[in-house]
N, C-alpha and C. Protein backbone atom coordinates (compact mmCIF):
# COMPACT_ATOMS: atom_id res chain seq x y z
N MET A 1 184.75 132.87 12.95
CA MET A 1 183.65 133.85 14.44
C MET A 1 183.60 133.02 15.59
N ARG A 2 183.85 133.71 16.22
CA ARG A 2 184.38 133.59 18.06
C ARG A 2 182.10 133.66 17.98
N LYS A 3 181.93 132.81 19.94
CA LYS A 3 181.60 132.98 19.75
C LYS A 3 180.83 134.40 20.28
N GLY A 4 179.80 134.79 20.23
CA GLY A 4 179.27 136.41 20.79
C GLY A 4 179.47 137.01 19.54
N GLU A 5 179.99 137.20 18.27
CA GLU A 5 180.94 138.02 17.79
C GLU A 5 179.67 137.59 16.69
N ARG A 6 179.70 138.56 16.32
CA ARG A 6 178.50 139.32 14.73
C ARG A 6 178.96 138.97 13.47
N GLU A 7 178.13 138.92 12.31
CA GLU A 7 179.00 138.91 11.38
C GLU A 7 180.36 139.97 10.67
N ASP A 8 179.89 141.47 10.88
CA ASP A 8 180.60 142.09 10.49
C ASP A 8 182.26 142.66 11.89
N GLY A 9 181.75 141.43 12.93
CA GLY A 9 183.25 141.41 13.39
C GLY A 9 182.87 142.36 14.75
N LYS A 10 182.07 142.59 14.96
CA LYS A 10 181.61 143.83 16.75
C LYS A 10 180.69 142.46 17.46
N ASP A 11 181.86 142.94 18.50
CA ASP A 11 181.40 141.45 19.72
C ASP A 11 179.66 142.72 20.31
N LYS A 12 179.46 141.90 21.32
CA LYS A 12 178.15 142.01 21.57
C LYS A 12 178.73 143.64 23.04
N GLU A 13 179.99 143.53 23.72
CA GLU A 13 180.25 145.22 24.77
C GLU A 13 180.76 145.62 23.79
N ASP A 14 181.62 145.69 22.18
CA ASP A 14 180.68 147.41 21.44
C ASP A 14 180.24 147.68 20.99
N GLU A 15 178.90 147.07 20.98
CA GLU A 15 177.52 146.42 20.10
C GLU A 15 176.84 148.29 21.80
N LYS A 16 177.35 147.78 23.24
CA LYS A 16 176.83 147.41 23.68
C LYS A 16 177.47 149.20 24.14
N LYS A 17 178.62 149.39 23.33
CA LYS A 17 179.55 150.85 23.82
C LYS A 17 178.57 151.86 22.68
N GLU A 18 178.79 151.58 22.14
CA GLU A 18 178.05 152.68 20.63
C GLU A 18 176.69 153.01 20.95
N GLU A 19 175.91 151.99 22.56
CA GLU A 19 174.56 152.12 22.60
C GLU A 19 174.60 153.85 23.78
N GLU A 20 175.85 153.49 24.39
CA GLU A 20 176.25 154.41 25.26
C GLU A 20 176.81 155.81 24.57
N GLU A 21 177.47 155.64 23.61
CA GLU A 21 177.56 157.06 23.37
C GLU A 21 176.52 157.77 22.61
N GLU A 22 175.79 156.30 22.08
CA GLU A 22 174.59 157.96 21.12
C GLU A 22 173.92 158.39 22.08
N GLU A 23 173.32 157.05 23.01
CA GLU A 23 173.19 157.19 23.77
C GLU A 23 173.10 158.61 24.91
N GLU A 24 174.34 158.99 25.13
CA GLU A 24 175.12 160.70 25.91
C GLU A 24 175.42 161.69 25.40
N GLU A 25 174.92 161.18 23.12
CA GLU A 25 174.77 162.16 22.49
C GLU A 25 173.26 162.61 22.78
N LYS A 26 172.90 162.16 22.82
CA LYS A 26 170.79 162.94 22.24
C LYS A 26 170.80 163.00 23.60
N GLN A 27 171.43 162.61 24.97
CA GLN A 27 171.76 163.62 26.41
C GLN A 27 171.78 164.68 26.54
N GLY A 28 173.03 165.08 25.98
CA GLY A 28 174.37 166.54 25.83
C GLY A 28 172.71 167.15 24.93
N LYS A 29 173.12 166.57 23.74
CA LYS A 29 171.73 167.29 22.78
C LYS A 29 170.62 168.11 23.73
N LEU A 30 170.03 167.33 24.57
CA LEU A 30 168.62 167.16 25.16
C LEU A 30 168.75 168.16 26.16
N ASN A 31 170.08 168.85 27.13
CA ASN A 31 170.21 169.34 28.09
C ASN A 31 170.71 170.73 27.47
N GLU A 32 171.56 170.69 25.97
CA GLU A 32 170.96 171.91 25.35
C GLU A 32 170.54 172.95 24.98
N LYS A 33 169.01 171.39 24.81
CA LYS A 33 167.93 172.31 24.27
C LYS A 33 166.91 173.06 24.93
N GLU A 34 167.60 171.82 26.46
CA GLU A 34 166.45 172.68 28.29
C GLU A 34 166.84 173.76 28.40
N THR A 35 168.28 174.28 28.01
CA THR A 35 169.16 175.29 28.86
C THR A 35 168.37 176.39 28.02
N LEU A 36 168.70 176.52 26.52
CA LEU A 36 168.63 177.23 25.94
C LEU A 36 166.83 177.75 25.94
N ILE A 37 165.97 176.50 26.69
CA ILE A 37 164.08 176.58 26.98
C ILE A 37 164.56 178.21 28.47
N TYR A 38 165.42 177.56 29.20
CA TYR A 38 165.08 177.17 30.70
C TYR A 38 165.80 179.09 30.47
N GLU A 39 166.70 179.57 29.28
CA GLU A 39 167.15 180.74 29.60
C GLU A 39 165.89 181.71 28.65
N ARG A 40 165.34 181.47 27.56
CA ARG A 40 164.23 182.00 26.53
C ARG A 40 164.01 182.62 27.68
N ARG A 41 163.16 181.21 28.68
CA ARG A 41 161.80 181.89 29.98
C ARG A 41 162.09 183.24 30.95
N LYS A 42 163.84 182.23 31.02
CA LYS A 42 163.96 183.80 32.22
C LYS A 42 163.93 184.91 31.56
N SER A 43 163.94 185.43 30.19
CA SER A 43 164.11 186.61 29.48
C SER A 43 162.90 187.12 29.46
N THR A 44 162.02 186.24 28.99
CA THR A 44 160.83 186.45 29.08
C THR A 44 159.99 186.71 30.30
N GLN A 45 160.59 186.01 31.43
CA GLN A 45 161.05 186.46 32.53
C GLN A 45 160.66 187.89 32.93
N ILE A 46 162.12 188.22 32.89
CA ILE A 46 162.74 189.24 33.60
C ILE A 46 162.04 190.66 32.26
N HIS A 47 161.66 190.63 30.87
CA HIS A 47 160.76 191.51 30.46
C HIS A 47 159.83 192.00 30.94
N LEU A 48 158.57 190.74 31.29
CA LEU A 48 157.58 190.46 31.93
C LEU A 48 157.34 191.35 33.71
N THR A 49 158.53 191.23 34.36
CA THR A 49 158.40 191.76 36.04
C THR A 49 158.58 193.08 35.20
N LEU A 50 158.97 193.60 33.96
CA LEU A 50 160.83 194.88 34.23
C LEU A 50 158.85 195.78 33.31
N ASP A 51 158.33 195.33 32.81
CA ASP A 51 156.60 195.60 32.20
C ASP A 51 155.69 196.44 33.47
N PHE A 52 156.19 194.73 33.93
CA PHE A 52 154.52 195.20 34.88
C PHE A 52 155.12 196.62 35.86
N GLN A 53 156.25 196.37 36.17
CA GLN A 53 156.88 197.65 37.28
C GLN A 53 157.25 198.54 37.13
N LYS A 54 156.82 199.47 35.61
CA LYS A 54 156.48 200.57 35.38
C LYS A 54 155.53 200.63 34.71
N MET A 55 154.72 200.29 34.53
CA MET A 55 153.23 199.87 34.41
C MET A 55 152.57 200.47 35.96
N ILE A 56 153.48 199.65 37.19
CA ILE A 56 153.04 200.85 38.82
C ILE A 56 153.73 201.55 38.57
N LYS A 57 154.52 201.92 38.32
CA LYS A 57 155.35 203.27 38.45
C LYS A 57 154.01 204.61 37.46
N GLU A 58 153.77 203.73 36.16
CA GLU A 58 152.67 204.51 35.51
C GLU A 58 151.69 205.64 36.82
N LYS A 59 151.03 204.24 36.59
CA LYS A 59 150.18 204.03 37.98
C LYS A 59 149.91 205.34 38.96
N MET A 60 150.91 205.13 39.48
CA MET A 60 152.05 205.74 41.20
C MET A 60 151.42 206.98 40.77
N ASN A 61 152.27 207.14 39.04
CA ASN A 61 152.16 209.04 38.72
C ASN A 61 150.75 209.39 38.36
N ILE A 62 150.01 208.80 37.88
CA ILE A 62 148.63 208.70 37.69
C ILE A 62 147.53 209.50 39.25
N GLU A 63 148.27 208.72 39.71
CA GLU A 63 147.24 208.16 41.48
C GLU A 63 147.90 209.61 42.07
N GLU A 64 148.29 209.68 42.16
CA GLU A 64 149.61 211.06 42.66
C GLU A 64 149.30 212.90 42.44
N GLU A 65 148.73 212.88 40.65
CA GLU A 65 148.14 213.87 40.28
C GLU A 65 146.66 214.54 40.89
């Protein structure tokens, strides 16, 4: 065995690369999840805004009568 080499033949550099790849994969999944949450919130906000506008229009019609 060489210096810095483990029993399974991987050295510290290989181990670092694997950890970095795992971290990137984890980050990618988090970004996807954050994007979905953002889109869901945005959609909900739009629906609430439209409902609010509809309510105001109905109230305006009632007041005009």
